[in-house]
Amino acid sequence: MKKYAVLLAGCGVYDGSEIHEAVFAMLAISQNGHQYQCFAPNKNQHHVVNHLTGDEMSEVRNILIESARIARGNVKDVRQLDAQDFDGLVMPGGFGAAKNWSKWAFEGPKGEVDPDVRKVILDFVAMGKPVCALCVAPAIVAKALEDSPYSAEITLGSTAEASPYDIAGTHEAVATLGVRTVEKTLKEVHVDSETKIITAPCYMMEGHISEIYSNVKIAIDRLCEF
């Protein structure tokens, strides 16, 4: 039985981890007969968004505490995450990946990754252990790999199907960091066999919840094959 670390960025698509992607990832790990442990940074999230209106709220929330909502309380500080203890890393998407793990949402490719998050990503890659990044999370992986000995092929979606985001522009942005981009639809994932980095579009594309689940499941299945 393998055990995977699941890195969370809060709770909720607009200011934390995308809940569907996070839960589907944990479910798929379990369906493969394996275990997982959730982690998150123990610091305040960038801001709090009212998910009914999209408006920013005058509140302060902690990423670790908010992530506990998804993890049903079983979540640890990312500083306790030792890659040696796990068989791979899973990174769900959501705006929290771009706001709380990094400054990508505000500065694009120039936005630095949280040092603890970057260390975790590089530790798994350096040990030859697989990393599965969903939705926008591959952009954070790309930034973490910048100025490291590692590069990768990743996807953040496809221009061939409907998306609420600028897929071409996003691919162009992450390519400036030294990664290679590949277009993949919601029915596909990309596996970089050299770095063992698996990336899946998920909610970067327009899709029903069942399609998102299928995409996450394919990605986690590939993760568990390593």
Protein backbone atom coordinates (compact mmCIF):
# COMPACT_ATOMS: atom_id res chain seq x y z
CA MET A 1 0.00 0.00 0.00
CA LYS A 2 1.31 3.42 -0.96
CA LYS A 3 0.78 6.73 0.79
CA TYR A 4 0.43 10.10 -0.91
CA ALA A 5 0.71 13.64 0.37
CA VAL A 6 -2.15 15.92 -0.70
CA LEU A 7 -1.25 19.60 -0.56
CA LEU A 8 -4.16 21.97 0.10
CA ALA A 9 -4.42 25.76 -0.18
CA GLY A 10 -7.57 26.47 1.83
CA CYS A 11 -11.20 25.66 1.15
CA GLY A 12 -13.08 27.04 -1.84
CA VAL A 13 -12.31 27.64 -5.48
CA TYR A 14 -11.94 31.43 -5.34
CA ASP A 15 -9.62 31.72 -2.35
CA GLY A 16 -8.46 28.18 -1.56
CA SER A 17 -8.33 24.68 -2.99
CA GLU A 18 -10.97 23.63 -5.51
CA ILE A 19 -13.10 21.35 -3.36
CA HIS A 20 -14.24 18.96 -6.10
CA GLU A 21 -10.71 18.40 -7.34
CA ALA A 22 -9.35 17.89 -3.83
CA VAL A 23 -12.06 15.45 -2.78
CA PHE A 24 -11.97 13.55 -6.08
CA ALA A 25 -8.20 13.18 -5.73
CA MET A 26 -8.50 11.72 -2.24
CA LEU A 27 -11.31 9.44 -3.39
CA ALA A 28 -9.29 8.20 -6.37
CA ILE A 29 -6.28 7.47 -4.16
CA SER A 30 -8.53 5.39 -1.91
CA GLN A 31 -10.11 3.64 -4.90
CA ASN A 32 -6.62 2.58 -5.95
CA GLY A 33 -6.17 0.94 -2.55
CA HIS A 34 -3.79 3.54 -1.15
CA GLN A 35 -3.71 6.12 1.65
CA TYR A 36 -3.22 9.88 1.81
CA GLN A 37 -2.33 12.58 4.29
CA CYS A 38 -3.31 16.21 3.78
CA PHE A 39 -0.98 19.16 4.36
CA ALA A 40 -1.29 22.93 4.01
CA PRO A 41 0.73 26.06 4.81
CA ASN A 42 0.11 27.38 8.31
CA LYS A 43 -0.32 31.05 7.48
CA ASN A 44 -3.11 33.45 6.59
CA GLN A 45 -4.58 33.15 3.12
CA HIS A 46 -4.28 36.10 0.76
CA HIS A 47 -7.91 37.14 1.20
CA VAL A 48 -11.39 35.74 1.76
CA VAL A 49 -13.95 35.64 -1.05
CA ASN A 50 -17.72 35.40 -0.69
CA HIS A 51 -18.46 32.41 -2.92
CA LEU A 52 -22.04 33.56 -3.46
CA THR A 53 -21.18 36.99 -4.85
CA GLY A 54 -17.48 36.82 -5.71
CA ASP A 55 -16.85 39.85 -3.50
CA GLU A 56 -13.87 40.11 -1.17
CA MET A 57 -14.77 39.92 2.51
CA SER A 58 -13.20 41.78 5.43
CA GLU A 59 -12.06 38.63 7.20
CA VAL A 60 -8.76 36.93 7.93
CA ARG A 61 -8.55 33.16 7.62
CA ASN A 62 -5.74 30.67 8.11
CA ILE A 63 -4.93 28.31 5.21
CA LEU A 64 -4.30 25.31 7.46
CA ILE A 65 -7.51 25.82 9.42
CA GLU A 66 -9.56 26.30 6.26
CA SER A 67 -7.97 23.22 4.66
CA ALA A 68 -9.14 21.21 7.67
CA ARG A 69 -12.69 21.64 6.32
CA ILE A 70 -11.80 19.49 3.31
CA ALA A 71 -9.55 17.10 5.24
CA ARG A 72 -12.16 16.57 7.99
CA GLY A 73 -9.61 17.85 10.49
CA ASN A 74 -6.81 15.50 9.45
CA VAL A 75 -4.37 18.01 8.01
CA LYS A 76 -0.81 18.90 9.01
CA ASP A 77 1.46 21.90 8.56
CA VAL A 78 3.33 21.65 5.25
CA ARG A 79 6.57 22.07 7.21
CA GLN A 80 5.94 18.59 8.62
CA LEU A 81 5.82 17.10 5.13
CA ASP A 82 8.89 14.91 4.54
CA ALA A 83 8.95 13.58 0.99
CA GLN A 84 10.83 10.52 2.18
CA ASP A 85 7.68 9.36 3.99
CA PHE A 86 5.44 9.41 0.89
CA ASP A 87 5.20 7.79 -2.52
CA GLY A 88 4.04 10.92 -4.33
CA LEU A 89 2.53 14.39 -4.10
CA VAL A 90 -0.93 15.56 -5.21
CA MET A 91 -1.69 19.25 -5.78
CA PRO A 92 -5.36 20.14 -6.46
CA GLY A 93 -6.13 23.42 -8.21
CA GLY A 94 -8.28 26.38 -7.26
CA PHE A 95 -7.34 30.04 -7.01
CA GLY A 96 -5.71 29.33 -3.66
CA ALA A 97 -2.90 27.59 -5.54
CA ALA A 98 -2.19 30.87 -7.33
CA LYS A 99 -2.91 33.12 -4.31
CA ASN A 100 -1.80 31.18 -1.23
CA TRP A 101 0.94 28.84 -2.50
CA SER A 102 2.35 31.57 -4.69
CA LYS A 103 1.81 35.07 -6.10
CA TRP A 104 1.00 33.78 -9.58
CA ALA A 105 -2.50 35.29 -9.50
CA PHE A 106 -1.04 38.78 -9.05
CA GLU A 107 2.36 38.68 -10.72
CA GLY A 108 2.10 35.85 -13.24
CA PRO A 109 5.40 34.08 -13.97
CA LYS A 110 7.25 36.57 -11.75
CA GLY A 111 5.18 35.57 -8.72
CA GLU A 112 7.32 33.67 -6.23
CA VAL A 113 6.26 30.36 -4.74
CA ASP A 114 5.98 30.03 -0.96
CA PRO A 115 9.39 28.66 0.16
CA ASP A 116 7.89 25.71 2.04
CA VAL A 117 5.73 24.75 -0.95
CA ARG A 118 8.64 25.07 -3.36
CA LYS A 119 10.82 22.89 -1.13
CA VAL A 120 8.19 20.16 -1.04
CA ILE A 121 7.80 20.13 -4.83
CA LEU A 122 11.54 20.04 -5.44
CA ASP A 123 12.08 17.35 -2.81
CA PHE A 124 9.63 14.99 -4.51
CA VAL A 125 11.09 15.67 -7.96
CA ALA A 126 14.67 15.26 -6.71
CA MET A 127 13.79 11.91 -5.13
CA GLY A 128 12.22 10.71 -8.38
CA LYS A 129 8.78 10.53 -6.79
CA PRO A 130 5.71 11.46 -8.86
CA VAL A 131 3.92 14.79 -8.57
CA CYS A 132 0.32 15.10 -9.76
CA ALA A 133 -0.78 18.70 -10.36
CA LEU A 134 -4.37 19.53 -11.27
CA CYS A 135 -5.98 22.56 -12.92
CA VAL A 136 -3.80 25.66 -12.34
CA ALA A 137 -1.39 23.85 -9.99
CA PRO A 138 0.98 22.97 -12.88
CA ALA A 139 1.81 26.68 -13.13
CA ILE A 140 3.04 26.58 -9.53
CA VAL A 141 5.09 23.48 -10.30
CA ALA A 142 6.60 25.28 -13.30
CA LYS A 143 7.58 28.25 -11.14
CA ALA A 144 9.03 25.94 -8.47
CA LEU A 145 11.21 24.25 -11.10
CA GLU A 146 12.60 27.57 -12.34
CA ASP A 147 16.34 27.87 -11.69
CA SER A 148 16.47 24.23 -10.58
CA PRO A 149 18.17 21.30 -12.35
CA TYR A 150 14.75 20.06 -13.47
CA SER A 151 12.38 20.85 -16.29
CA ALA A 152 9.16 19.20 -17.39
CA GLU A 153 6.32 18.95 -19.87
CA ILE A 154 3.00 20.12 -18.44
CA THR A 155 -0.52 20.96 -19.54
CA LEU A 156 -3.02 23.50 -18.32
CA GLY A 157 -5.68 22.59 -20.88
CA SER A 158 -6.44 22.92 -24.58
CA THR A 159 -7.53 25.63 -26.99
CA ALA A 160 -9.53 22.97 -28.87
CA GLU A 161 -12.36 23.02 -26.34
CA ALA A 162 -14.23 25.63 -24.29
CA SER A 163 -12.44 27.18 -21.34
CA PRO A 164 -13.20 30.11 -19.02
CA TYR A 165 -9.51 31.01 -19.16
CA ASP A 166 -6.90 32.03 -21.69
CA ILE A 167 -5.23 28.66 -22.19
CA ALA A 168 -2.87 29.84 -24.91
CA GLY A 169 -1.78 32.83 -22.84
CA THR A 170 -1.30 30.70 -19.74
CA HIS A 171 0.80 28.19 -21.66
CA GLU A 172 2.89 31.05 -23.06
CA ALA A 173 3.41 32.43 -19.56
CA VAL A 174 4.54 29.16 -17.98
CA ALA A 175 6.78 28.43 -20.97
CA THR A 176 8.86 31.48 -20.02
CA LEU A 177 9.86 29.54 -16.89
CA GLY A 178 11.57 26.82 -18.90
CA VAL A 179 8.87 24.15 -19.01
CA ARG A 180 7.38 22.74 -22.20
CA THR A 181 3.62 22.94 -22.63
CA VAL A 182 1.30 20.37 -24.19
CA GLU A 183 -2.36 20.87 -25.02
CA LYS A 184 -4.68 18.31 -23.43
CA THR A 185 -8.47 18.23 -23.33
CA LEU A 186 -10.63 17.41 -20.35
CA LYS A 187 -10.58 13.77 -21.41
CA GLU A 188 -6.79 13.65 -21.23
CA VAL A 189 -3.87 14.07 -18.85
CA HIS A 190 -0.20 14.52 -19.58
CA VAL A 191 2.52 12.33 -18.10
CA ASP A 192 6.13 13.48 -18.22
CA SER A 193 7.83 10.13 -17.74
CA GLU A 194 11.25 11.69 -17.14
CA THR A 195 10.27 13.87 -14.17
CA LYS A 196 7.20 11.79 -13.22
CA ILE A 197 5.03 14.91 -13.26
CA ILE A 198 1.39 14.26 -14.13
CA THR A 199 -0.79 17.24 -15.06
CA ALA A 200 -4.53 17.40 -15.81
CA PRO A 201 -6.69 20.34 -16.98
CA CYS A 202 -9.71 19.75 -14.71
CA TYR A 203 -11.55 23.05 -14.11
CA MET A 204 -9.21 24.97 -16.41
CA MET A 205 -11.74 23.71 -18.95
CA GLU A 206 -15.53 23.95 -19.10
CA GLY A 207 -16.89 20.67 -17.77
CA HIS A 208 -19.59 19.01 -15.72
CA ILE A 209 -18.71 17.60 -12.33
CA SER A 210 -18.68 14.06 -13.74
CA GLU A 211 -16.13 15.09 -16.38
CA ILE A 212 -13.94 16.69 -13.73
CA TYR A 213 -14.09 13.51 -11.67
CA SER A 214 -13.09 11.41 -14.69
CA ASN A 215 -10.14 13.70 -15.42
CA VAL A 216 -8.92 13.62 -11.82
CA LYS A 217 -9.34 9.84 -11.70
CA ILE A 218 -7.23 9.36 -14.83
CA ALA A 219 -4.50 11.55 -13.33
CA ILE A 220 -4.48 9.73 -9.99
CA ASP A 221 -4.52 6.35 -11.73
CA ARG A 222 -1.39 7.42 -13.63
CA LEU A 223 0.18 8.65 -10.41
CA CYS A 224 -0.38 5.28 -8.75
CA GLU A 225 1.25 3.45 -11.68
CA PHE A 226 4.68 4.87 -10.81
